N, C-alpha and C. Protein backbone atom coordinates (compact mmCIF):
# COMPACT_ATOMS: atom_id res chain seq x y z
N MET A 1 -172.07 12.88 -42.21
CA MET A 1 -173.53 13.32 -41.99
C MET A 1 -173.65 13.46 -40.75
N ALA A 2 -172.99 12.36 -39.78
CA ALA A 2 -173.61 12.87 -38.29
C ALA A 2 -172.81 14.12 -37.52
N LEU A 3 -171.58 14.38 -38.52
CA LEU A 3 -171.18 15.74 -38.11
C LEU A 3 -171.99 16.82 -38.42
N LEU A 4 -172.03 16.61 -39.36
CA LEU A 4 -173.23 17.78 -39.68
C LEU A 4 -174.69 17.55 -38.32
N GLN A 5 -175.13 16.67 -38.55
CA GLN A 5 -176.10 16.54 -37.57
C GLN A 5 -176.01 17.07 -36.45
N HIS A 6 -174.70 16.79 -35.47
CA HIS A 6 -174.43 17.11 -34.58
C HIS A 6 -174.24 18.83 -34.31
N ALA A 7 -173.53 19.11 -34.97
CA ALA A 7 -172.93 20.36 -35.72
C ALA A 7 -174.66 21.43 -35.05
N PHE A 8 -175.52 20.84 -35.93
CA PHE A 8 -176.99 21.95 -36.60
C PHE A 8 -177.36 21.33 -34.82
N GLY A 9 -177.78 20.23 -35.10
CA GLY A 9 -178.62 20.28 -33.38
C GLY A 9 -178.11 21.35 -32.21
N ILE A 10 -176.29 20.77 -31.95
CA ILE A 10 -176.14 21.66 -30.58
C ILE A 10 -176.03 23.52 -30.98
N MET A 11 -176.40 23.66 -32.07
CA MET A 11 -176.41 25.49 -32.72
C MET A 11 -178.27 25.29 -32.22
N THR A 12 -179.00 24.41 -32.65
CA THR A 12 -181.18 24.67 -32.71
C THR A 12 -181.37 23.69 -31.76
N ASN A 13 -181.07 23.16 -31.37
CA ASN A 13 -182.04 22.06 -30.28
C ASN A 13 -181.04 21.54 -29.04
N PRO A 14 -180.58 22.63 -28.82
CA PRO A 14 -179.20 22.07 -27.83
C PRO A 14 -179.42 20.67 -26.75
N ALA A 15 -181.35 20.97 -25.89
CA ALA A 15 -181.37 19.84 -25.10
C ALA A 15 -181.68 18.56 -25.52
N ALA A 16 -182.07 18.51 -26.99
CA ALA A 16 -182.64 17.26 -27.44
C ALA A 16 -180.98 17.06 -27.69
N GLU A 17 -179.88 18.04 -28.09
CA GLU A 17 -179.16 17.10 -28.98
C GLU A 17 -177.86 16.57 -27.92
N TRP A 18 -177.95 16.94 -26.17
CA TRP A 18 -177.34 16.55 -25.19
C TRP A 18 -177.78 15.27 -24.99
N ILE A 19 -179.03 14.84 -24.93
CA ILE A 19 -179.62 13.54 -24.77
C ILE A 19 -178.78 12.69 -26.10
N SER A 20 -178.90 12.74 -26.98
CA SER A 20 -178.58 12.38 -27.70
C SER A 20 -176.93 11.79 -27.98
N VAL A 21 -176.04 13.13 -27.57
CA VAL A 21 -174.91 13.00 -27.20
C VAL A 21 -174.65 12.20 -25.67
N ARG A 22 -175.40 11.91 -24.91
CA ARG A 22 -175.64 11.18 -23.33
C ARG A 22 -175.49 9.64 -24.13
N ASP A 23 -176.49 9.26 -24.99
CA ASP A 23 -176.40 8.07 -25.10
C ASP A 23 -175.73 7.49 -26.70
N ASP A 24 -174.98 8.61 -26.92
CA ASP A 24 -174.51 8.05 -28.40
C ASP A 24 -173.52 6.56 -27.44
N LYS A 25 -173.40 5.68 -28.43
CA LYS A 25 -172.09 5.11 -27.93
C LYS A 25 -170.66 5.09 -28.87
N SER A 26 -170.63 6.10 -29.18
CA SER A 26 -169.03 6.53 -30.10
C SER A 26 -168.41 5.73 -29.56
N SER A 27 -167.08 5.31 -29.30
CA SER A 27 -165.79 5.08 -29.26
C SER A 27 -165.25 6.61 -28.63
N PHE A 28 -164.07 6.94 -28.14
CA PHE A 28 -163.30 8.43 -27.99
C PHE A 28 -162.87 8.72 -28.97
N LYS A 29 -162.26 7.97 -29.89
CA LYS A 29 -162.04 7.82 -31.78
C LYS A 29 -162.77 8.56 -31.69
N GLN A 30 -163.79 8.06 -32.34
CA GLN A 30 -164.82 8.13 -32.96
C GLN A 30 -165.21 9.67 -32.97
N VAL A 31 -165.45 9.88 -31.44
CA VAL A 31 -166.15 11.34 -30.94
C VAL A 31 -164.95 12.53 -32.00
N PHE A 32 -164.30 11.61 -31.27
CA PHE A 32 -163.09 12.97 -31.20
C PHE A 32 -162.44 13.31 -32.99
N PHE A 33 -162.44 12.33 -33.99
CA PHE A 33 -161.76 12.06 -34.78
C PHE A 33 -162.67 12.59 -35.88
N SER A 34 -164.26 12.43 -35.87
CA SER A 34 -164.87 12.71 -37.04
C SER A 34 -165.71 13.91 -36.75
N HIS A 35 -165.33 14.76 -35.58
CA HIS A 35 -165.77 16.08 -35.31
C HIS A 35 -164.74 17.02 -35.80
N VAL A 36 -163.25 17.04 -34.68
CA VAL A 36 -162.88 18.00 -34.23
C VAL A 36 -161.43 18.43 -36.08
N PRO A 37 -161.12 17.53 -36.47
CA PRO A 37 -160.19 17.85 -37.41
C PRO A 37 -160.85 18.65 -38.71
N PHE A 38 -162.63 18.62 -38.07
CA PHE A 38 -162.99 19.01 -39.35
C PHE A 38 -163.99 20.37 -39.21
N LEU A 39 -163.90 20.12 -37.98
CA LEU A 39 -164.57 21.90 -37.81
C LEU A 39 -163.53 22.43 -37.31
N ALA A 40 -162.36 22.18 -36.95
CA ALA A 40 -160.85 23.48 -37.00
C ALA A 40 -159.83 23.73 -38.55
N LEU A 41 -161.22 23.14 -39.21
CA LEU A 41 -160.56 23.58 -40.71
C LEU A 41 -161.15 24.60 -40.87
N ILE A 42 -162.16 25.38 -40.66
CA ILE A 42 -162.85 26.19 -40.27
C ILE A 42 -162.95 27.83 -40.33
N PRO A 43 -161.91 27.29 -38.96
CA PRO A 43 -161.20 28.82 -39.21
C PRO A 43 -159.61 29.18 -39.35
N SER A 44 -159.51 27.86 -39.24
CA SER A 44 -157.99 28.04 -40.28
C SER A 44 -158.04 28.33 -42.06
N LEU A 45 -158.51 28.03 -42.61
CA LEU A 45 -158.93 28.21 -43.89
C LEU A 45 -159.37 29.47 -43.73
N ALA A 46 -160.51 29.93 -43.32
CA ALA A 46 -161.15 31.24 -43.62
C ALA A 46 -160.10 32.27 -42.84
N GLY A 47 -159.17 32.09 -41.83
CA GLY A 47 -158.44 33.04 -42.04
C GLY A 47 -157.25 33.27 -42.70
N PHE A 48 -156.79 32.33 -44.01
CA PHE A 48 -155.61 32.06 -44.29
C PHE A 48 -156.07 32.90 -45.43
N TYR A 49 -157.86 32.33 -45.55
CA TYR A 49 -158.38 33.71 -46.72
C TYR A 49 -158.53 35.12 -46.92
N GLY A 50 -158.54 35.59 -45.92
CA GLY A 50 -158.77 36.47 -45.06
C GLY A 50 -157.63 37.13 -45.12
N VAL A 51 -156.39 36.50 -44.38
CA VAL A 51 -155.31 37.65 -44.34
C VAL A 51 -154.53 37.75 -45.48
N THR A 52 -155.05 36.46 -46.60
CA THR A 52 -153.69 36.94 -47.79
C THR A 52 -154.73 37.46 -48.75
N GLN A 53 -155.87 36.95 -49.33
CA GLN A 53 -156.48 37.25 -49.71
C GLN A 53 -157.05 39.31 -49.62
N VAL A 54 -158.26 38.89 -48.88
CA VAL A 54 -159.02 40.26 -48.54
C VAL A 54 -157.57 41.67 -47.99
N GLY A 55 -157.64 41.12 -46.32
CA GLY A 55 -156.21 41.85 -45.20
C GLY A 55 -157.22 43.06 -45.15
N TRP A 56 -156.54 43.83 -44.14
CA TRP A 56 -157.28 44.57 -43.50
C TRP A 56 -156.96 45.86 -42.90
N SER A 57 -157.56 46.44 -42.50
CA SER A 57 -156.95 48.23 -42.97
C SER A 57 -156.93 49.07 -41.63
N ILE A 58 -155.98 49.59 -41.56
CA ILE A 58 -155.68 50.41 -40.40
C ILE A 58 -156.59 51.97 -40.22
N GLY A 59 -157.56 52.09 -39.68
CA GLY A 59 -158.10 53.68 -40.56
C GLY A 59 -158.51 53.32 -42.27
N ASP A 60 -157.82 54.53 -42.06
CA ASP A 60 -157.79 54.69 -43.92
C ASP A 60 -156.91 54.15 -44.57
N GLY A 61 -155.87 53.02 -44.22
CA GLY A 61 -154.86 53.58 -45.29
C GLY A 61 -155.29 51.83 -46.19
N GLU A 62 -154.07 51.24 -47.11
CA GLU A 62 -154.33 50.12 -47.71
C GLU A 62 -154.60 48.96 -46.85
N PRO A 63 -155.37 48.07 -47.58
CA PRO A 63 -155.56 46.78 -46.73
C PRO A 63 -153.91 46.28 -46.69
N ILE A 64 -153.67 45.21 -45.63
CA ILE A 64 -152.60 44.70 -45.25
C ILE A 64 -152.56 42.93 -45.38
N HIS A 65 -151.73 42.47 -46.52
CA HIS A 65 -151.69 41.03 -46.17
C HIS A 65 -150.87 40.47 -45.73
N LEU A 66 -150.79 39.82 -45.43
CA LEU A 66 -149.78 38.22 -44.39
C LEU A 66 -149.30 37.86 -46.28
N SER A 67 -147.78 37.56 -46.43
CA SER A 67 -147.50 36.24 -47.37
C SER A 67 -148.09 35.00 -47.49
N VAL A 68 -147.95 34.78 -47.98
CA VAL A 68 -148.68 33.18 -47.91
C VAL A 68 -147.83 32.23 -47.31
N ASN A 69 -146.92 32.38 -47.68
CA ASN A 69 -145.60 31.52 -47.34
C ASN A 69 -146.40 31.18 -45.17
N SER A 70 -145.68 32.30 -44.92
CA SER A 70 -145.92 33.01 -43.45
C SER A 70 -147.71 32.94 -42.71
N ALA A 71 -148.45 33.32 -44.18
CA ALA A 71 -149.86 32.48 -43.88
C ALA A 71 -150.36 30.91 -43.41
N ILE A 72 -149.77 30.33 -44.52
CA ILE A 72 -149.41 28.79 -44.10
C ILE A 72 -148.53 28.24 -43.02
N SER A 73 -147.88 28.75 -42.51
CA SER A 73 -147.08 28.64 -40.92
C SER A 73 -148.01 28.43 -39.91
N LEU A 74 -148.80 30.06 -40.03
CA LEU A 74 -149.12 30.25 -38.52
C LEU A 74 -150.69 29.71 -39.17
N CYS A 75 -151.42 29.68 -39.71
CA CYS A 75 -152.82 28.75 -39.91
C CYS A 75 -152.71 27.24 -39.44
N ALA A 76 -151.33 26.73 -40.07
CA ALA A 76 -151.54 25.61 -40.04
C ALA A 76 -150.86 24.94 -38.41
N LEU A 77 -150.24 25.94 -37.49
CA LEU A 77 -150.33 26.18 -35.79
C LEU A 77 -151.14 26.15 -35.08
N THR A 78 -151.99 27.57 -36.20
CA THR A 78 -153.70 27.89 -35.46
C THR A 78 -154.36 26.18 -35.24
N TYR A 79 -153.52 25.60 -36.39
CA TYR A 79 -154.58 24.14 -36.77
C TYR A 79 -154.69 23.08 -35.62
N VAL A 80 -153.59 22.96 -35.50
CA VAL A 80 -152.77 22.43 -34.16
C VAL A 80 -153.13 22.54 -32.81
N ALA A 81 -153.38 24.08 -33.15
CA ALA A 81 -153.08 24.49 -31.42
C ALA A 81 -154.52 23.77 -31.36
N LEU A 82 -155.71 24.49 -32.49
CA LEU A 82 -157.58 23.90 -32.17
C LEU A 82 -157.38 22.55 -31.93
N LEU A 83 -156.67 21.45 -31.99
CA LEU A 83 -156.99 20.11 -32.15
C LEU A 83 -156.87 20.11 -30.67
N ALA A 84 -155.43 20.59 -30.31
CA ALA A 84 -154.56 19.88 -28.96
C ALA A 84 -155.36 20.74 -28.29
N GLY A 85 -156.11 21.86 -28.53
CA GLY A 85 -156.74 22.57 -27.59
C GLY A 85 -158.20 21.81 -26.73
N VAL A 86 -159.14 21.36 -27.87
CA VAL A 86 -160.01 20.71 -27.45
C VAL A 86 -159.97 18.65 -26.55
N PHE A 87 -158.71 18.05 -27.49
CA PHE A 87 -158.39 16.70 -26.21
C PHE A 87 -158.23 17.53 -25.20
N ILE A 88 -157.03 18.50 -25.11
CA ILE A 88 -157.58 18.83 -23.31
C ILE A 88 -157.87 18.84 -22.80
N LEU A 89 -159.15 19.94 -23.17
CA LEU A 89 -160.23 20.25 -22.89
C LEU A 89 -160.80 18.96 -22.06
N GLY A 90 -161.21 18.16 -23.22
CA GLY A 90 -161.78 16.98 -22.73
C GLY A 90 -161.21 16.01 -21.98
N GLU A 91 -160.16 15.83 -22.19
CA GLU A 91 -158.97 15.44 -20.75
C GLU A 91 -159.25 15.83 -19.11
N PHE A 92 -159.59 17.38 -19.53
CA PHE A 92 -159.84 18.12 -17.89
C PHE A 92 -161.23 17.01 -17.78
N ILE A 93 -161.74 17.59 -18.30
CA ILE A 93 -163.79 17.05 -18.12
C ILE A 93 -163.38 15.75 -16.87
N ASN A 94 -163.21 15.10 -18.10
CA ASN A 94 -162.70 13.47 -17.28
C ASN A 94 -162.28 13.32 -16.49
N TRP A 95 -161.01 14.65 -16.08
CA TRP A 95 -159.96 14.07 -14.52
C TRP A 95 -161.19 14.61 -13.74
N MET A 96 -161.84 15.60 -14.32
CA MET A 96 -162.65 16.26 -12.52
C MET A 96 -163.52 15.22 -13.07
N SER A 97 -164.17 14.46 -13.24
CA SER A 97 -165.33 14.36 -13.38
C SER A 97 -165.71 12.86 -11.96
N ARG A 98 -164.51 12.41 -11.10
CA ARG A 98 -164.25 11.62 -9.62
C ARG A 98 -165.07 12.29 -8.88
N THR A 99 -164.41 13.86 -9.23
CA THR A 99 -164.52 15.14 -7.37
C THR A 99 -165.56 15.47 -8.10
N TYR A 100 -166.53 15.41 -8.61
CA TYR A 100 -168.38 15.92 -8.80
C TYR A 100 -168.83 14.94 -8.70
N GLY A 101 -168.14 14.13 -8.19
CA GLY A 101 -169.89 12.69 -8.67
C GLY A 101 -169.81 11.97 -9.35
N VAL A 102 -168.74 11.73 -10.62
CA VAL A 102 -170.10 10.94 -11.62
C VAL A 102 -169.24 9.65 -11.87
N THR A 103 -170.45 8.94 -11.48
CA THR A 103 -170.08 7.57 -11.68
C THR A 103 -170.03 6.31 -12.45
N ASP A 104 -169.92 6.79 -14.34
CA ASP A 104 -170.07 6.07 -15.14
C ASP A 104 -168.34 5.32 -14.89
N THR A 105 -168.47 4.69 -16.08
CA THR A 105 -166.94 3.83 -16.25
C THR A 105 -166.03 4.54 -16.67
N GLU A 106 -164.50 4.53 -16.40
CA GLU A 106 -163.92 5.14 -17.38
C GLU A 106 -164.19 5.32 -18.73
N GLU A 107 -164.71 4.05 -19.32
CA GLU A 107 -165.15 4.47 -20.82
C GLU A 107 -165.50 5.56 -20.86
N ARG A 108 -166.65 5.54 -20.05
CA ARG A 108 -167.86 6.56 -20.68
C ARG A 108 -167.75 7.13 -19.92
N ARG A 109 -166.59 8.05 -18.94
CA ARG A 109 -166.24 9.10 -18.60
C ARG A 109 -165.09 9.78 -19.87
N HIS A 110 -164.93 8.64 -20.12
CA HIS A 110 -164.31 9.36 -21.05
C HIS A 110 -164.90 9.98 -22.60
N HIS A 111 -165.70 9.61 -23.15
CA HIS A 111 -166.81 9.53 -24.15
C HIS A 111 -166.84 10.82 -23.14
N ALA A 112 -167.81 10.84 -22.64
CA ALA A 112 -168.77 11.91 -21.53
C ALA A 112 -167.68 13.13 -22.27
N GLY A 113 -166.12 13.60 -21.36
CA GLY A 113 -165.78 13.89 -21.44
C GLY A 113 -165.21 14.91 -22.88
N THR A 114 -165.16 13.94 -23.47
CA THR A 114 -164.52 14.40 -25.09
C THR A 114 -165.43 15.24 -26.52
N ALA A 115 -166.86 14.41 -25.71
CA ALA A 115 -168.19 14.76 -26.28
C ALA A 115 -168.61 16.13 -26.09
N LEU A 116 -168.34 16.34 -24.66
CA LEU A 116 -168.66 17.37 -23.81
C LEU A 116 -167.95 18.70 -24.33
N ALA A 117 -166.66 18.16 -24.80
CA ALA A 117 -165.31 20.01 -25.19
C ALA A 117 -165.68 19.86 -26.16
N VAL A 118 -166.21 18.76 -27.46
CA VAL A 118 -166.01 18.96 -28.84
C VAL A 118 -167.53 19.97 -29.12
N CYS A 119 -168.58 19.35 -28.09
CA CYS A 119 -170.38 20.44 -28.98
C CYS A 119 -169.26 21.30 -27.97
N VAL A 120 -169.12 22.25 -27.14
CA VAL A 120 -169.39 23.45 -26.47
C VAL A 120 -168.32 24.08 -27.01
N THR A 121 -166.89 23.21 -28.18
CA THR A 121 -166.14 24.33 -28.76
C THR A 121 -167.28 24.41 -30.42
N THR A 122 -167.85 23.59 -31.02
CA THR A 122 -169.25 23.41 -32.00
C THR A 122 -169.36 25.20 -32.12
N PRO A 123 -169.75 26.06 -31.19
CA PRO A 123 -169.69 27.42 -31.79
C PRO A 123 -168.27 28.39 -32.02
N LEU A 124 -167.33 27.88 -31.58
CA LEU A 124 -166.64 28.92 -31.61
C LEU A 124 -166.34 28.03 -32.71
N PHE A 125 -165.67 27.22 -33.30
CA PHE A 125 -164.97 26.61 -34.52
C PHE A 125 -165.97 27.13 -35.90
N LEU A 126 -167.17 27.37 -35.56
CA LEU A 126 -168.56 28.14 -36.30
C LEU A 126 -168.36 29.08 -37.19
N ALA A 127 -168.21 30.07 -35.39
CA ALA A 127 -167.96 31.44 -35.89
C ALA A 127 -166.69 32.33 -36.37
N GLY A 128 -165.69 30.47 -36.35
CA GLY A 128 -164.18 30.96 -37.21
C GLY A 128 -164.52 31.55 -39.00
N ILE A 129 -165.74 31.61 -39.72
CA ILE A 129 -166.32 31.47 -40.63
C ILE A 129 -165.76 33.18 -40.94
N PHE A 130 -166.03 34.07 -40.85
CA PHE A 130 -166.13 35.80 -40.45
C PHE A 130 -164.42 35.77 -40.13
N LEU A 131 -163.92 35.24 -40.30
CA LEU A 131 -162.08 34.96 -40.17
C LEU A 131 -161.61 35.94 -41.84
N LEU A 132 -162.85 35.43 -42.36
CA LEU A 132 -162.68 35.62 -44.27
C LEU A 132 -162.66 36.56 -44.57
N LYS A 133 -163.67 37.65 -43.37
CA LYS A 133 -163.36 39.17 -43.19
C LYS A 133 -162.68 39.82 -42.57
N PRO A 134 -161.54 40.02 -42.46
CA PRO A 134 -160.67 40.39 -40.90
C PRO A 134 -161.35 41.63 -40.19
N SER A 135 -161.62 41.89 -39.65
CA SER A 135 -162.29 43.26 -39.24
C SER A 135 -162.24 43.00 -37.90
N MET A 136 -161.16 43.16 -36.22
CA MET A 136 -161.42 43.60 -35.38
C MET A 136 -162.62 43.24 -34.95
N TRP A 137 -163.49 44.47 -35.52
CA TRP A 137 -165.06 44.88 -34.47
C TRP A 137 -166.02 43.46 -34.75
N LEU A 138 -165.68 43.06 -35.77
CA LEU A 138 -166.49 41.95 -36.54
C LEU A 138 -165.93 40.63 -35.94
N ASN A 139 -164.79 40.49 -35.92
CA ASN A 139 -164.17 39.10 -35.58
C ASN A 139 -164.75 39.26 -34.08
N SER A 140 -164.78 40.22 -33.66
CA SER A 140 -164.41 40.14 -31.68
C SER A 140 -166.43 39.68 -31.89
N LEU A 141 -166.72 41.17 -32.36
CA LEU A 141 -168.42 40.11 -31.16
C LEU A 141 -168.63 39.37 -31.68
N ALA A 142 -168.29 38.34 -32.75
CA ALA A 142 -168.38 36.84 -33.36
C ALA A 142 -167.84 35.96 -32.59
N MET A 143 -166.55 36.23 -32.49
CA MET A 143 -166.55 35.42 -30.89
C MET A 143 -167.24 35.36 -29.43
N ILE A 144 -166.98 36.99 -29.34
CA ILE A 144 -167.96 36.99 -27.96
C ILE A 144 -168.86 36.39 -28.01
N THR A 145 -169.73 36.25 -29.21
CA THR A 145 -171.64 35.76 -29.01
C THR A 145 -171.23 34.16 -29.01
N ALA A 146 -170.56 33.87 -29.43
CA ALA A 146 -169.62 32.56 -29.74
C ALA A 146 -169.73 32.03 -28.32
N GLY A 147 -168.55 32.11 -27.48
CA GLY A 147 -167.97 32.61 -27.15
C GLY A 147 -169.79 32.41 -25.48
N ALA A 148 -170.11 33.05 -26.04
CA ALA A 148 -171.28 33.23 -24.58
C ALA A 148 -172.39 31.81 -25.06
N TYR A 149 -172.23 31.42 -26.31
CA TYR A 149 -172.89 30.38 -26.43
C TYR A 149 -172.54 29.40 -26.15
N SER A 150 -170.93 28.59 -25.56
CA SER A 150 -170.31 27.56 -25.38
C SER A 150 -170.73 27.45 -24.01
N ILE A 151 -170.46 28.94 -23.11
CA ILE A 151 -170.68 29.11 -22.07
C ILE A 151 -171.98 28.31 -21.56
N TYR A 152 -172.48 29.45 -22.06
CA TYR A 152 -174.90 28.38 -21.87
C TYR A 152 -175.08 26.95 -21.95
N LEU A 153 -174.02 26.79 -23.36
CA LEU A 153 -173.91 24.88 -23.30
C LEU A 153 -173.12 24.64 -22.58
N ILE A 154 -172.47 24.62 -22.11
CA ILE A 154 -171.69 23.91 -20.48
C ILE A 154 -172.49 24.13 -19.89
N PHE A 155 -173.11 24.52 -19.47
CA PHE A 155 -173.65 24.92 -17.78
C PHE A 155 -175.18 24.14 -18.71
N GLU A 156 -175.71 24.04 -19.86
CA GLU A 156 -177.71 23.57 -19.92
C GLU A 156 -176.71 21.28 -20.50
N GLY A 157 -175.53 21.24 -21.00
CA GLY A 157 -175.50 19.76 -20.74
C GLY A 157 -174.51 19.10 -20.10
N MET A 158 -173.69 19.68 -19.26
CA MET A 158 -173.52 18.81 -17.80
C MET A 158 -173.96 18.16 -16.96
N PRO A 159 -175.40 18.50 -16.41
CA PRO A 159 -175.59 17.63 -15.51
C PRO A 159 -176.36 16.54 -16.49
N ILE A 160 -176.93 17.22 -17.94
CA ILE A 160 -177.42 16.03 -18.67
C ILE A 160 -176.26 15.21 -19.69
N VAL A 161 -175.08 15.12 -19.71
CA VAL A 161 -174.60 14.19 -20.05
C VAL A 161 -173.58 13.13 -19.18
N MET A 162 -172.98 14.62 -17.91
CA MET A 162 -172.60 13.54 -17.21
C MET A 162 -173.38 13.00 -16.02
N ASN A 163 -175.19 12.94 -16.08
CA ASN A 163 -175.94 12.32 -15.57
C ASN A 163 -175.75 12.77 -13.57
N ILE A 164 -175.24 14.07 -13.92
CA ILE A 164 -175.54 14.69 -12.20
C ILE A 164 -176.23 15.53 -11.77
N ASP A 165 -176.80 15.93 -10.85
CA ASP A 165 -177.44 16.73 -10.33
C ASP A 165 -176.86 18.26 -10.09
N LYS A 166 -177.88 19.01 -10.46
CA LYS A 166 -177.32 20.49 -11.42
C LYS A 166 -176.97 21.55 -10.23
N ASN A 167 -176.39 20.80 -8.91
CA ASN A 167 -176.05 21.57 -8.26
C ASN A 167 -174.27 21.72 -8.46
N ARG A 168 -174.18 20.02 -8.49
CA ARG A 168 -172.79 19.61 -8.93
C ARG A 168 -172.74 20.07 -10.49
N ALA A 169 -172.83 19.66 -11.26
CA ALA A 169 -172.74 20.38 -12.12
C ALA A 169 -172.28 21.53 -12.43
N PHE A 170 -173.29 22.79 -11.75
CA PHE A 170 -173.30 24.28 -12.02
C PHE A 170 -171.62 24.39 -11.44
N MET A 171 -171.21 23.33 -10.76
CA MET A 171 -169.70 24.25 -9.41
C MET A 171 -168.56 22.71 -10.49
N TYR A 172 -168.97 21.74 -11.90
CA TYR A 172 -168.42 21.57 -12.76
C TYR A 172 -167.95 21.58 -13.64
N SER A 173 -169.06 22.59 -14.21
CA SER A 173 -168.86 23.87 -15.38
C SER A 173 -168.46 24.63 -14.93
N SER A 174 -168.15 25.47 -14.20
CA SER A 174 -167.27 26.17 -13.75
C SER A 174 -165.81 26.73 -13.47
N SER A 175 -165.57 25.16 -13.18
CA SER A 175 -164.13 24.61 -13.18
C SER A 175 -164.14 24.37 -14.64
N VAL A 176 -165.25 24.33 -15.36
CA VAL A 176 -164.59 23.44 -17.42
C VAL A 176 -164.14 24.99 -18.00
N ILE A 177 -165.26 26.15 -17.86
CA ILE A 177 -164.29 27.63 -18.03
C ILE A 177 -163.78 28.18 -17.30
N THR A 178 -162.55 27.55 -16.53
CA THR A 178 -162.19 28.52 -15.73
C THR A 178 -160.76 27.58 -16.85
N VAL A 179 -160.53 26.05 -17.10
CA VAL A 179 -159.86 25.49 -17.19
C VAL A 179 -159.96 25.63 -18.90
N GLY A 180 -160.98 26.75 -19.93
CA GLY A 180 -161.02 27.05 -20.78
C GLY A 180 -160.42 28.38 -21.07
N LEU A 181 -160.59 29.25 -19.71
CA LEU A 181 -160.33 30.26 -20.03
C LEU A 181 -158.21 30.86 -19.64
N VAL A 182 -157.51 29.01 -18.82
CA VAL A 182 -156.47 29.33 -18.87
C VAL A 182 -155.70 28.46 -20.25
N LEU A 183 -156.51 27.85 -20.72
CA LEU A 183 -155.89 26.99 -22.39
C LEU A 183 -155.98 28.08 -23.70
N MET A 184 -157.21 29.56 -23.17
CA MET A 184 -156.55 30.45 -23.97
C MET A 184 -156.28 31.50 -23.57
N VAL A 185 -155.34 31.59 -22.00
CA VAL A 185 -153.88 32.89 -21.94
C VAL A 185 -153.19 31.53 -22.70
N THR A 186 -152.89 30.68 -22.47
CA THR A 186 -151.80 29.90 -22.69
C THR A 186 -151.40 29.99 -24.28
N ALA A 187 -152.86 29.73 -24.92
CA ALA A 187 -152.57 30.04 -26.27
C ALA A 187 -151.49 31.10 -26.63
N MET A 188 -152.37 32.04 -25.88
CA MET A 188 -151.72 33.29 -26.46
C MET A 188 -149.96 33.86 -26.11
N ILE A 189 -149.75 33.54 -24.94
CA ILE A 189 -148.67 33.15 -24.58
C ILE A 189 -147.61 32.41 -25.06
N GLY A 190 -147.98 31.48 -25.74
CA GLY A 190 -147.49 30.38 -27.07
C GLY A 190 -147.03 31.12 -28.29
N THR A 191 -148.21 31.85 -28.10
CA THR A 191 -148.45 32.53 -30.06
C THR A 191 -147.03 33.93 -30.07
N VAL A 192 -147.55 34.62 -28.36
CA VAL A 192 -146.07 35.46 -28.09
C VAL A 192 -144.63 35.21 -28.22
N LEU A 193 -144.60 33.73 -27.56
CA LEU A 193 -143.25 33.23 -27.73
C LEU A 193 -142.54 32.57 -29.22
N ILE A 194 -143.85 32.26 -30.06
CA ILE A 194 -143.17 32.03 -31.44
C ILE A 194 -142.96 32.92 -32.25
N TRP A 195 -143.61 33.92 -31.92
CA TRP A 195 -142.90 35.35 -32.75
C TRP A 195 -142.54 35.79 -32.55
N GLY A 196 -141.53 35.34 -30.97
CA GLY A 196 -140.08 36.32 -30.17
C GLY A 196 -139.37 35.65 -31.12
N MET A 197 -139.30 34.41 -31.23
CA MET A 197 -138.45 33.37 -32.16
C MET A 197 -137.89 33.12 -33.14
N GLY A 198 -138.80 34.41 -34.17
CA GLY A 198 -138.52 35.11 -35.43
C GLY A 198 -139.83 34.01 -36.74
N ILE A 199 -141.21 33.21 -35.82
CA ILE A 199 -141.81 32.88 -36.12
C ILE A 199 -143.40 33.14 -36.71
N GLY A 200 -142.76 35.19 -37.10
CA GLY A 200 -144.52 35.55 -36.39
C GLY A 200 -144.60 35.96 -38.11
N PRO A 201 -145.38 36.40 -38.48
CA PRO A 201 -146.13 36.70 -39.44
C PRO A 201 -145.22 37.96 -40.45
N VAL A 202 -145.70 37.59 -41.79
CA VAL A 202 -144.07 38.81 -43.03
C VAL A 202 -145.40 38.85 -43.64
N TYR A 203 -145.66 40.43 -43.94
CA TYR A 203 -146.37 41.43 -44.27
C TYR A 203 -146.13 41.60 -45.94
N ILE A 204 -147.01 41.79 -46.75
CA ILE A 204 -146.96 42.22 -47.35
C ILE A 204 -147.31 43.78 -48.13
N ASP A 205 -147.03 44.23 -49.22
CA ASP A 205 -147.34 45.90 -49.54
C ASP A 205 -149.02 45.21 -50.62
């Protein structure tokens, strides 16, 4: 229930939800493991169904599908990458906190960094439901919209959760966004390397 409340709150009333996140006394493990493993299932399972059961078309051609075994491998790798990405982003937020004047205890900063990473990536996880229908335009629009809202959440939530003034929070948020972009590029490069090792998609008619 807490998972649904946080996911719903961050999408509908972020200002109030950030205060709730700031006042939450949950540990790092509770924050991470009660949210991310479940949210990461959304794009992974939706993507699996989309590429194996629905397929995608190029022009007026017949839909292209991936084999089940190939899709399982790729979706499993995606799931692990999503878990790792949120964890690493949270660690970077925590690591940069002293630079931007966060004075909370180490435990509190660790909780706040992880909570921020979980909350700002929630729109991207939820947008993964659109992978049920593989379409470059639909999926791109969904991810761009979710990404824009995630950026808004970072700037909105940083001064509240980290309890710092807006000027420092702006610079802090900009740094977090830069780290997020670097992680995304790293994931793309990793995907290319994995495909180059022969663990790429296997198509079926």
